């Protein structure tokens, strides 16, 4: 079976590189849009803000266009409106996957800045996609495990102390970026995900902050001092922290402090469950992920 040609925009970032690897591993002819100034011999020269080069790249490589730009940068996320215009002109794109790969932005009322602006940008892109009728799949995969562990506390998750934000029993969903990417590539040719939000919420990947700290103690043999941070203290940290830490803490505030506000969001009129569509997928759990990074 011929695989669709996939064009990845933002393919050199944290999420983008996993998407590129997953696409190649699945046998898709895969191209990465790279600004001509970025490298001496770019794989696919083009710029998200250059309409002509974007249309040309899509016509050559883009039966499926996946965007992974601007995680935390609203201006880059709004640049996806240029991608939508190029898709309309190119006339060859069968599926667009916008840059989401997180919580459901249509249920993000409690989000603080700077994450709030990012959510609003993603929501604007969703609305335009639906208004103009671009064929699409939106991936809601909740917390990326790698991102969480990199910002678990200001000294790293393997120090002698750890910050606990809110109620340590509050649960959230944590997904390995590699698993999310493989699922996204599988979904782009699945008719069941066309014009749908794909909710990735495997029960095996539900974990609380308290459970995560317990796992860290189990893996390292250390007893970590727990520093409980109130919602007011967390809001102050968000205001004072530099980017990207302030963005990460704002997402912690939304997803953990507010009693897992994204855990139960599911709109059956626009969404489908990954666990139901792909029951054969074995997701890397939080404990298994820690096994891979803690020696």
C-alpha atoms as a PDB file:
ATOM      1  CA  UNK A   1       0.000   0.000   0.000  1.00  0.00           C
ATOM      2  CA  UNK A   2       1.284   3.423  -0.954  1.00  0.00           C
ATOM      3  CA  UNK A   3       1.758   5.643   2.057  1.00  0.00           C
ATOM      4  CA  UNK A   4       0.742   9.306   1.945  1.00  0.00           C
ATOM      5  CA  UNK A   5       3.467  11.886   1.519  1.00  0.00           C
ATOM      6  CA  UNK A   6       3.887  13.783   4.782  1.00  0.00           C
ATOM      7  CA  UNK A   7       5.243  17.305   5.183  1.00  0.00           C
ATOM      8  CA  UNK A   8       6.243  18.239   8.745  1.00  0.00           C
ATOM      9  CA  UNK A   9       6.462  21.916   9.646  1.00  0.00           C
ATOM     10  CA  UNK A  10       8.478  22.482  12.810  1.00  0.00           C
ATOM     11  CA  UNK A  11      10.154  19.110  12.454  1.00  0.00           C
ATOM     12  CA  UNK A  12      13.323  20.040  14.334  1.00  0.00           C
ATOM     13  CA  UNK A  13      11.631  20.820  17.664  1.00  0.00           C
ATOM     14  CA  UNK A  14      11.017  18.530  20.625  1.00  0.00           C
ATOM     15  CA  UNK A  15       7.713  17.164  19.316  1.00  0.00           C
ATOM     16  CA  UNK A  16       8.476  17.637  15.633  1.00  0.00           C
ATOM     17  CA  UNK A  17      11.541  15.400  15.585  1.00  0.00           C
ATOM     18  CA  UNK A  18       9.539  12.536  17.104  1.00  0.00           C
ATOM     19  CA  UNK A  19       6.842  13.034  14.468  1.00  0.00           C
ATOM     20  CA  UNK A  20       9.428  12.907  11.680  1.00  0.00           C
ATOM     21  CA  UNK A  21      10.948   9.708  13.081  1.00  0.00           C
ATOM     22  CA  UNK A  22       7.519   8.087  13.461  1.00  0.00           C
ATOM     23  CA  UNK A  23       6.563   9.040   9.911  1.00  0.00           C
ATOM     24  CA  UNK A  24       9.750   7.577   8.449  1.00  0.00           C
ATOM     25  CA  UNK A  25       9.437   4.440  10.576  1.00  0.00           C
ATOM     26  CA  UNK A  26       5.901   3.932   9.229  1.00  0.00           C
ATOM     27  CA  UNK A  27       7.184   4.101   5.655  1.00  0.00           C
ATOM     28  CA  UNK A  28       5.810   7.486   4.647  1.00  0.00           C
ATOM     29  CA  UNK A  29       7.747   9.626   2.168  1.00  0.00           C
ATOM     30  CA  UNK A  30       8.561  12.395   4.647  1.00  0.00           C
ATOM     31  CA  UNK A  31       9.810  15.936   4.162  1.00  0.00           C
ATOM     32  CA  UNK A  32      10.667  18.601   6.743  1.00  0.00           C
ATOM     33  CA  UNK A  33      10.079  22.259   5.945  1.00  0.00           C
ATOM     34  CA  UNK A  34      13.228  24.192   6.866  1.00  0.00           C
ATOM     35  CA  UNK A  35      14.002  27.868   6.378  1.00  0.00           C
ATOM     36  CA  UNK A  36      16.674  28.290   3.662  1.00  0.00           C
ATOM     37  CA  UNK A  37      18.912  30.131   6.143  1.00  0.00           C
ATOM     38  CA  UNK A  38      18.708  27.347   8.744  1.00  0.00           C
ATOM     39  CA  UNK A  39      21.122  24.913   7.084  1.00  0.00           C
ATOM     40  CA  UNK A  40      23.388  24.866   4.056  1.00  0.00           C
ATOM     41  CA  UNK A  41      21.330  22.258   2.178  1.00  0.00           C
ATOM     42  CA  UNK A  42      17.799  22.196   3.636  1.00  0.00           C
ATOM     43  CA  UNK A  43      15.715  19.042   2.994  1.00  0.00           C
ATOM     44  CA  UNK A  44      12.705  21.113   1.871  1.00  0.00           C
ATOM     45  CA  UNK A  45      13.367  24.851   1.691  1.00  0.00           C
ATOM     46  CA  UNK A  46      10.454  27.006   2.732  1.00  0.00           C
ATOM     47  CA  UNK A  47       9.058  29.297   5.380  1.00  0.00           C
ATOM     48  CA  UNK A  48       5.716  29.211   7.148  1.00  0.00           C
ATOM     49  CA  UNK A  49       5.463  32.963   6.543  1.00  0.00           C
ATOM     50  CA  UNK A  50       6.371  32.755   2.835  1.00  0.00           C
ATOM     51  CA  UNK A  51       3.165  31.839   1.018  1.00  0.00           C
ATOM     52  CA  UNK A  52       4.789  30.887  -2.282  1.00  0.00           C
ATOM     53  CA  UNK A  53       7.386  28.535  -0.843  1.00  0.00           C
ATOM     54  CA  UNK A  54       4.785  26.990   1.460  1.00  0.00           C
ATOM     55  CA  UNK A  55       2.395  26.225  -1.404  1.00  0.00           C
ATOM     56  CA  UNK A  56       5.261  24.799  -3.472  1.00  0.00           C
ATOM     57  CA  UNK A  57       6.380  22.532  -0.617  1.00  0.00           C
ATOM     58  CA  UNK A  58       2.830  21.237  -0.148  1.00  0.00           C
ATOM     59  CA  UNK A  59       2.360  20.486  -3.826  1.00  0.00           C
ATOM     60  CA  UNK A  60       5.603  18.538  -3.884  1.00  0.00           C
ATOM     61  CA  UNK A  61       5.478  16.779  -0.512  1.00  0.00           C
ATOM     62  CA  UNK A  62       2.246  17.413   1.334  1.00  0.00           C
ATOM     63  CA  UNK A  63      -0.654  15.013   0.982  1.00  0.00           C
ATOM     64  CA  UNK A  64      -0.613  15.220   4.772  1.00  0.00           C
ATOM     65  CA  UNK A  65       0.662  18.359   6.529  1.00  0.00           C
ATOM     66  CA  UNK A  66       1.628  18.135  10.206  1.00  0.00           C
ATOM     67  CA  UNK A  67       2.543  21.254  12.156  1.00  0.00           C
ATOM     68  CA  UNK A  68       4.554  21.197  15.394  1.00  0.00           C
ATOM     69  CA  UNK A  69       5.588  24.852  15.713  1.00  0.00           C
ATOM     70  CA  UNK A  70       5.274  27.342  18.512  1.00  0.00           C
ATOM     71  CA  UNK A  71       4.790  25.239  21.624  1.00  0.00           C
ATOM     72  CA  UNK A  72       4.510  28.186  23.992  1.00  0.00           C
ATOM     73  CA  UNK A  73       4.875  30.913  21.361  1.00  0.00           C
ATOM     74  CA  UNK A  74       1.449  32.377  20.383  1.00  0.00           C
ATOM     75  CA  UNK A  75       2.878  34.343  17.452  1.00  0.00           C
ATOM     76  CA  UNK A  76       4.173  31.148  15.818  1.00  0.00           C
ATOM     77  CA  UNK A  77       0.926  29.348  16.557  1.00  0.00           C
ATOM     78  CA  UNK A  78      -1.036  32.126  14.848  1.00  0.00           C
ATOM     79  CA  UNK A  79       1.283  31.611  11.873  1.00  0.00           C
ATOM     80  CA  UNK A  80      -0.672  28.428  11.214  1.00  0.00           C
ATOM     81  CA  UNK A  81      -3.310  30.644   9.621  1.00  0.00           C
ATOM     82  CA  UNK A  82      -0.757  31.060   6.801  1.00  0.00           C
ATOM     83  CA  UNK A  83      -0.590  27.278   6.520  1.00  0.00           C
ATOM     84  CA  UNK A  84      -4.383  27.099   6.169  1.00  0.00           C
ATOM     85  CA  UNK A  85      -4.295  29.638   3.336  1.00  0.00           C
ATOM     86  CA  UNK A  86      -1.539  27.681   1.599  1.00  0.00           C
ATOM     87  CA  UNK A  87      -3.514  24.420   1.963  1.00  0.00           C
ATOM     88  CA  UNK A  88      -6.491  26.067   0.295  1.00  0.00           C
ATOM     89  CA  UNK A  89      -4.378  27.202  -2.649  1.00  0.00           C
ATOM     90  CA  UNK A  90      -2.313  24.033  -2.990  1.00  0.00           C
ATOM     91  CA  UNK A  91      -5.440  21.924  -3.384  1.00  0.00           C
ATOM     92  CA  UNK A  92      -3.669  18.618  -2.713  1.00  0.00           C
ATOM     93  CA  UNK A  93      -3.687  18.258   1.073  1.00  0.00           C
ATOM     94  CA  UNK A  94      -5.872  15.408   2.315  1.00  0.00           C
ATOM     95  CA  UNK A  95      -5.287  15.983   6.022  1.00  0.00           C
ATOM     96  CA  UNK A  96      -3.913  18.759   8.232  1.00  0.00           C
ATOM     97  CA  UNK A  97      -2.732  18.118  11.800  1.00  0.00           C
ATOM     98  CA  UNK A  98      -2.349  21.488  13.570  1.00  0.00           C
ATOM     99  CA  UNK A  99       0.124  22.149  16.354  1.00  0.00           C
ATOM    100  CA  UNK A 100      -1.721  20.998  19.476  1.00  0.00           C
ATOM    101  CA  UNK A 101      -0.504  17.733  21.104  1.00  0.00           C
ATOM    102  CA  UNK A 102      -1.621  18.778  24.579  1.00  0.00           C
ATOM    103  CA  UNK A 103      -4.850  19.405  26.484  1.00  0.00           C
ATOM    104  CA  UNK A 104      -8.177  20.189  24.854  1.00  0.00           C
ATOM    105  CA  UNK A 105      -7.987  23.952  24.330  1.00  0.00           C
ATOM    106  CA  UNK A 106     -11.766  24.208  24.200  1.00  0.00           C
ATOM    107  CA  UNK A 107     -11.802  23.351  27.919  1.00  0.00           C
ATOM    108  CA  UNK A 108      -9.021  25.609  29.202  1.00  0.00           C
ATOM    109  CA  UNK A 109     -10.958  28.234  31.153  1.00  0.00           C
ATOM    110  CA  UNK A 110      -8.644  28.146  34.189  1.00  0.00           C
ATOM    111  CA  UNK A 111      -5.384  28.711  32.284  1.00  0.00           C
ATOM    112  CA  UNK A 112      -3.079  31.541  33.368  1.00  0.00           C
ATOM    113  CA  UNK A 113      -0.640  33.525  31.236  1.00  0.00           C
ATOM    114  CA  UNK A 114       1.565  32.847  29.386  1.00  0.00           C
ATOM    115  CA  UNK A 115      -0.179  29.534  28.620  1.00  0.00           C
ATOM    116  CA  UNK A 116      -3.542  31.278  28.218  1.00  0.00           C
ATOM    117  CA  UNK A 117      -2.398  33.150  25.092  1.00  0.00           C
ATOM    118  CA  UNK A 118      -1.095  29.912  23.603  1.00  0.00           C
ATOM    119  CA  UNK A 119      -4.443  28.195  24.213  1.00  0.00           C
ATOM    120  CA  UNK A 120      -6.285  31.099  22.609  1.00  0.00           C
ATOM    121  CA  UNK A 121      -4.030  30.897  19.544  1.00  0.00           C
ATOM    122  CA  UNK A 122      -4.658  27.175  19.165  1.00  0.00           C
ATOM    123  CA  UNK A 123      -8.384  27.743  19.551  1.00  0.00           C
ATOM    124  CA  UNK A 124      -8.373  30.410  16.818  1.00  0.00           C
ATOM    125  CA  UNK A 125      -6.656  27.970  14.472  1.00  0.00           C
ATOM    126  CA  UNK A 126      -9.217  25.244  15.274  1.00  0.00           C
ATOM    127  CA  UNK A 127     -12.078  27.606  14.535  1.00  0.00           C
ATOM    128  CA  UNK A 128     -10.670  28.704  11.181  1.00  0.00           C
ATOM    129  CA  UNK A 129      -9.941  25.107  10.136  1.00  0.00           C
ATOM    130  CA  UNK A 130     -13.571  24.207  10.758  1.00  0.00           C
ATOM    131  CA  UNK A 131     -14.960  27.373   9.190  1.00  0.00           C
ATOM    132  CA  UNK A 132     -13.117  26.932   5.868  1.00  0.00           C
ATOM    133  CA  UNK A 133     -13.542  23.149   5.781  1.00  0.00           C
ATOM    134  CA  UNK A 134      -9.908  21.998   5.868  1.00  0.00           C
ATOM    135  CA  UNK A 135      -9.773  18.186   6.338  1.00  0.00           C
ATOM    136  CA  UNK A 136      -8.034  17.693   9.670  1.00  0.00           C
ATOM    137  CA  UNK A 137      -7.231  15.629  12.729  1.00  0.00           C
ATOM    138  CA  UNK A 138      -6.519  17.305  16.079  1.00  0.00           C
ATOM    139  CA  UNK A 139      -4.399  15.393  18.591  1.00  0.00           C
ATOM    140  CA  UNK A 140      -5.113  15.917  22.310  1.00  0.00           C
ATOM    141  CA  UNK A 141      -2.454  13.871  24.086  1.00  0.00           C
ATOM    142  CA  UNK A 142      -2.275  15.762  27.407  1.00  0.00           C
ATOM    143  CA  UNK A 143       1.106  15.964  29.229  1.00  0.00           C
ATOM    144  CA  UNK A 144       4.307  14.983  27.451  1.00  0.00           C
ATOM    145  CA  UNK A 145       6.325  12.976  29.967  1.00  0.00           C
ATOM    146  CA  UNK A 146       9.635  14.478  28.877  1.00  0.00           C
ATOM    147  CA  UNK A 147       8.339  18.035  29.289  1.00  0.00           C
ATOM    148  CA  UNK A 148       6.980  17.309  32.752  1.00  0.00           C
ATOM    149  CA  UNK A 149      10.167  15.713  34.030  1.00  0.00           C
ATOM    150  CA  UNK A 150      12.317  18.520  32.686  1.00  0.00           C
ATOM    151  CA  UNK A 151      10.329  21.038  34.771  1.00  0.00           C
ATOM    152  CA  UNK A 152       9.182  18.974  37.735  1.00  0.00           C
ATOM    153  CA  UNK A 153      11.020  21.347  40.033  1.00  0.00           C
ATOM    154  CA  UNK A 154      13.569  24.044  39.530  1.00  0.00           C
ATOM    155  CA  UNK A 155      16.515  21.784  40.398  1.00  0.00           C
ATOM    156  CA  UNK A 156      15.386  18.753  38.403  1.00  0.00           C
ATOM    157  CA  UNK A 157      13.343  15.734  39.482  1.00  0.00           C
ATOM    158  CA  UNK A 158      16.308  13.802  40.948  1.00  0.00           C
ATOM    159  CA  UNK A 159      17.312  16.362  43.572  1.00  0.00           C
ATOM    160  CA  UNK A 160      16.712  15.831  47.286  1.00  0.00           C
ATOM    161  CA  UNK A 161      13.533  17.907  47.243  1.00  0.00           C
ATOM    162  CA  UNK A 162      10.476  18.231  45.038  1.00  0.00           C
ATOM    163  CA  UNK A 163       7.679  20.768  44.733  1.00  0.00           C
ATOM    164  CA  UNK A 164       4.122  19.460  45.089  1.00  0.00           C
ATOM    165  CA  UNK A 165       1.603  21.772  43.435  1.00  0.00           C
ATOM    166  CA  UNK A 166      -1.930  21.627  44.797  1.00  0.00           C
ATOM    167  CA  UNK A 167      -3.362  18.315  45.943  1.00  0.00           C
ATOM    168  CA  UNK A 168      -0.833  15.533  45.377  1.00  0.00           C
ATOM    169  CA  UNK A 169      -3.678  13.057  44.754  1.00  0.00           C
ATOM    170  CA  UNK A 170      -4.942  14.939  41.678  1.00  0.00           C
ATOM    171  CA  UNK A 171      -4.390  12.843  38.571  1.00  0.00           C
ATOM    172  CA  UNK A 172      -3.360  13.745  35.053  1.00  0.00           C
ATOM    173  CA  UNK A 173      -2.452  11.850  31.870  1.00  0.00           C
ATOM    174  CA  UNK A 174       1.211  11.579  30.863  1.00  0.00           C
ATOM    175  CA  UNK A 175       2.297  10.298  27.454  1.00  0.00           C
ATOM    176  CA  UNK A 176       5.675   9.495  25.966  1.00  0.00           C
ATOM    177  CA  UNK A 177       6.304  11.816  23.009  1.00  0.00           C
ATOM    178  CA  UNK A 178       7.312   8.812  20.901  1.00  0.00           C
ATOM    179  CA  UNK A 179       4.001   7.055  21.562  1.00  0.00           C
ATOM    180  CA  UNK A 180       2.058  10.220  20.795  1.00  0.00           C
ATOM    181  CA  UNK A 181       3.941  10.643  17.513  1.00  0.00           C
ATOM    182  CA  UNK A 182       3.417   7.063  16.378  1.00  0.00           C
ATOM    183  CA  UNK A 183      -0.286   7.391  17.132  1.00  0.00           C
ATOM    184  CA  UNK A 184      -0.534  10.688  15.249  1.00  0.00           C
ATOM    185  CA  UNK A 185       1.059   9.159  12.145  1.00  0.00           C
ATOM    186  CA  UNK A 186      -1.293   6.188  12.360  1.00  0.00           C
ATOM    187  CA  UNK A 187      -4.294   8.490  12.673  1.00  0.00           C
ATOM    188  CA  UNK A 188      -3.587  10.674   9.623  1.00  0.00           C
ATOM    189  CA  UNK A 189      -4.730   7.947   7.219  1.00  0.00           C
ATOM    190  CA  UNK A 190      -7.558   6.625   9.368  1.00  0.00           C
ATOM    191  CA  UNK A 191     -10.997   7.698   8.037  1.00  0.00           C
ATOM    192  CA  UNK A 192     -12.393   7.423  11.568  1.00  0.00           C
ATOM    193  CA  UNK A 193     -10.268  10.383  12.700  1.00  0.00           C
ATOM    194  CA  UNK A 194     -11.087  12.652   9.750  1.00  0.00           C
ATOM    195  CA  UNK A 195     -12.339  16.028  10.998  1.00  0.00           C
ATOM    196  CA  UNK A 196     -12.166  14.719  14.555  1.00  0.00           C
ATOM    197  CA  UNK A 197     -10.348  15.439  17.797  1.00  0.00           C
ATOM    198  CA  UNK A 198      -8.365  12.334  18.780  1.00  0.00           C
ATOM    199  CA  UNK A 199      -8.332  12.082  22.574  1.00  0.00           C
ATOM    200  CA  UNK A 200      -5.343  10.050  23.796  1.00  0.00           C
ATOM    201  CA  UNK A 201      -6.173   9.033  27.366  1.00  0.00           C
ATOM    202  CA  UNK A 202      -4.854   5.524  28.103  1.00  0.00           C
ATOM    203  CA  UNK A 203      -5.850   4.414  31.628  1.00  0.00           C
ATOM    204  CA  UNK A 204      -2.344   2.988  32.120  1.00  0.00           C
ATOM    205  CA  UNK A 205      -0.902   6.505  31.852  1.00  0.00           C
ATOM    206  CA  UNK A 206      -2.968   8.198  34.540  1.00  0.00           C
ATOM    207  CA  UNK A 207      -0.744   9.307  37.416  1.00  0.00           C
ATOM    208  CA  UNK A 208      -0.880  11.769  40.299  1.00  0.00           C
ATOM    209  CA  UNK A 209       1.959  14.009  41.444  1.00  0.00           C
ATOM    210  CA  UNK A 210       2.148  11.974  44.644  1.00  0.00           C
ATOM    211  CA  UNK A 211       2.471   8.728  42.673  1.00  0.00           C
ATOM    212  CA  UNK A 212       5.141  10.297  40.485  1.00  0.00           C
ATOM    213  CA  UNK A 213       7.212  11.338  43.507  1.00  0.00           C
ATOM    214  CA  UNK A 214       6.805   7.849  44.976  1.00  0.00           C
ATOM    215  CA  UNK A 215       8.083   6.341  41.725  1.00  0.00           C
ATOM    216  CA  UNK A 216      11.065   8.700  41.742  1.00  0.00           C
ATOM    217  CA  UNK A 217      11.898   7.624  45.278  1.00  0.00           C
ATOM    218  CA  UNK A 218      11.534   3.977  44.318  1.00  0.00           C
ATOM    219  CA  UNK A 219      13.819   4.328  41.289  1.00  0.00           C
ATOM    220  CA  UNK A 220      16.506   6.458  42.936  1.00  0.00           C
ATOM    221  CA  UNK A 221      16.489   4.993  46.444  1.00  0.00           C
ATOM    222  CA  UNK A 222      16.223   8.536  47.809  1.00  0.00           C
ATOM    223  CA  UNK A 223      13.662  10.044  50.143  1.00  0.00           C
ATOM    224  CA  UNK A 224      12.595  13.313  48.546  1.00  0.00           C
ATOM    225  CA  UNK A 225      11.590  16.214  50.750  1.00  0.00           C
ATOM    226  CA  UNK A 226       8.127  17.362  49.727  1.00  0.00           C
ATOM    227  CA  UNK A 227       7.595  21.106  49.435  1.00  0.00           C
ATOM    228  CA  UNK A 228       3.859  21.813  49.170  1.00  0.00           C
ATOM    229  CA  UNK A 229       3.162  24.882  47.042  1.00  0.00           C
ATOM    230  CA  UNK A 230      -0.228  26.589  47.394  1.00  0.00           C
ATOM    231  CA  UNK A 231      -2.179  27.882  44.410  1.00  0.00           C
ATOM    232  CA  UNK A 232      -1.344  31.466  45.414  1.00  0.00           C
ATOM    233  CA  UNK A 233       2.365  30.638  45.661  1.00  0.00           C
ATOM    234  CA  UNK A 234       2.254  28.906  42.293  1.00  0.00           C
ATOM    235  CA  UNK A 235       0.569  31.905  40.669  1.00  0.00           C
ATOM    236  CA  UNK A 236       3.359  34.103  42.054  1.00  0.00           C
ATOM    237  CA  UNK A 237       6.020  31.719  40.704  1.00  0.00           C
ATOM    238  CA  UNK A 238       4.371  31.862  37.266  1.00  0.00           C
ATOM    239  CA  UNK A 239       4.518  35.676  37.272  1.00  0.00           C
ATOM    240  CA  UNK A 240       8.178  35.749  38.302  1.00  0.00           C
ATOM    241  CA  UNK A 241       9.627  32.821  36.318  1.00  0.00           C
ATOM    242  CA  UNK A 242      11.286  33.252  32.906  1.00  0.00           C
ATOM    243  CA  UNK A 243      10.055  31.507  29.769  1.00  0.00           C
ATOM    244  CA  UNK A 244       9.659  28.537  29.287  1.00  0.00           C
ATOM    245  CA  UNK A 245       9.421  27.716  33.009  1.00  0.00           C
ATOM    246  CA  UNK A 246       6.507  30.137  33.466  1.00  0.00           C
ATOM    247  CA  UNK A 247       4.637  28.401  30.645  1.00  0.00           C
ATOM    248  CA  UNK A 248       5.258  24.949  32.135  1.00  0.00           C
ATOM    249  CA  UNK A 249       4.131  26.092  35.578  1.00  0.00           C
ATOM    250  CA  UNK A 250       0.995  27.667  34.095  1.00  0.00           C
ATOM    251  CA  UNK A 251       0.119  24.308  32.531  1.00  0.00           C
ATOM    252  CA  UNK A 252       0.740  22.591  35.865  1.00  0.00           C
ATOM    253  CA  UNK A 253      -1.645  25.100  37.419  1.00  0.00           C
ATOM    254  CA  UNK A 254      -4.368  24.279  34.882  1.00  0.00           C
ATOM    255  CA  UNK A 255      -4.035  20.510  34.742  1.00  0.00           C
ATOM    256  CA  UNK A 256      -3.110  19.597  38.314  1.00  0.00           C
ATOM    257  CA  UNK A 257      -4.076  22.362  40.728  1.00  0.00           C
ATOM    258  CA  UNK A 258      -7.591  22.621  39.317  1.00  0.00           C
ATOM    259  CA  UNK A 259      -8.448  19.020  40.128  1.00  0.00           C
ATOM    260  CA  UNK A 260      -7.438  17.608  36.782  1.00  0.00           C
ATOM    261  CA  UNK A 261      -9.728  19.931  34.838  1.00  0.00           C
ATOM    262  CA  UNK A 262      -8.851  18.236  31.532  1.00  0.00           C
ATOM    263  CA  UNK A 263      -9.229  14.652  32.717  1.00  0.00           C
ATOM    264  CA  UNK A 264     -12.913  14.252  31.926  1.00  0.00           C
ATOM    265  CA  UNK A 265     -13.286  16.525  28.919  1.00  0.00           C
ATOM    266  CA  UNK A 266     -14.669  14.648  25.948  1.00  0.00           C
ATOM    267  CA  UNK A 267     -17.015  15.959  23.282  1.00  0.00           C
ATOM    268  CA  UNK A 268     -18.462  12.957  21.439  1.00  0.00           C
ATOM    269  CA  UNK A 269     -19.790  15.209  18.663  1.00  0.00           C
ATOM    270  CA  UNK A 270     -16.249  16.104  17.536  1.00  0.00           C
ATOM    271  CA  UNK A 271     -14.011  13.563  19.255  1.00  0.00           C
ATOM    272  CA  UNK A 272     -12.946   9.929  19.199  1.00  0.00           C
ATOM    273  CA  UNK A 273     -11.030   7.914  21.795  1.00  0.00           C
ATOM    274  CA  UNK A 274      -7.623   6.540  20.798  1.00  0.00           C
ATOM    275  CA  UNK A 275      -7.970   3.639  23.238  1.00  0.00           C
ATOM    276  CA  UNK A 276     -11.110   2.483  21.420  1.00  0.00           C
ATOM    277  CA  UNK A 277      -9.737   2.955  17.901  1.00  0.00           C
ATOM    278  CA  UNK A 278      -6.340   1.373  18.604  1.00  0.00           C
ATOM    279  CA  UNK A 279      -6.722  -1.226  21.378  1.00  0.00           C
ATOM    280  CA  UNK A 280      -3.509  -2.939  20.243  1.00  0.00           C
ATOM    281  CA  UNK A 281      -1.299   0.025  21.198  1.00  0.00           C
ATOM    282  CA  UNK A 282       0.857  -0.558  24.269  1.00  0.00           C
ATOM    283  CA  UNK A 283       1.717   2.813  25.773  1.00  0.00           C
ATOM    284  CA  UNK A 284       4.906   3.414  27.741  1.00  0.00           C
ATOM    285  CA  UNK A 285       3.810   4.082  31.321  1.00  0.00           C
ATOM    286  CA  UNK A 286       5.306   6.712  33.600  1.00  0.00           C
ATOM    287  CA  UNK A 287       7.158   4.012  35.544  1.00  0.00           C
ATOM    288  CA  UNK A 288       8.546   2.443  32.369  1.00  0.00           C
ATOM    289  CA  UNK A 289       9.657   5.870  31.161  1.00  0.00           C
ATOM    290  CA  UNK A 290      11.494   6.479  34.420  1.00  0.00           C
ATOM    291  CA  UNK A 291      13.192   3.093  34.031  1.00  0.00           C
ATOM    292  CA  UNK A 292      14.668   4.394  30.792  1.00  0.00           C
ATOM    293  CA  UNK A 293      16.110   7.623  32.189  1.00  0.00           C
ATOM    294  CA  UNK A 294      17.169   6.702  35.723  1.00  0.00           C
ATOM    295  CA  UNK A 295      20.264   4.535  35.986  1.00  0.00           C
END
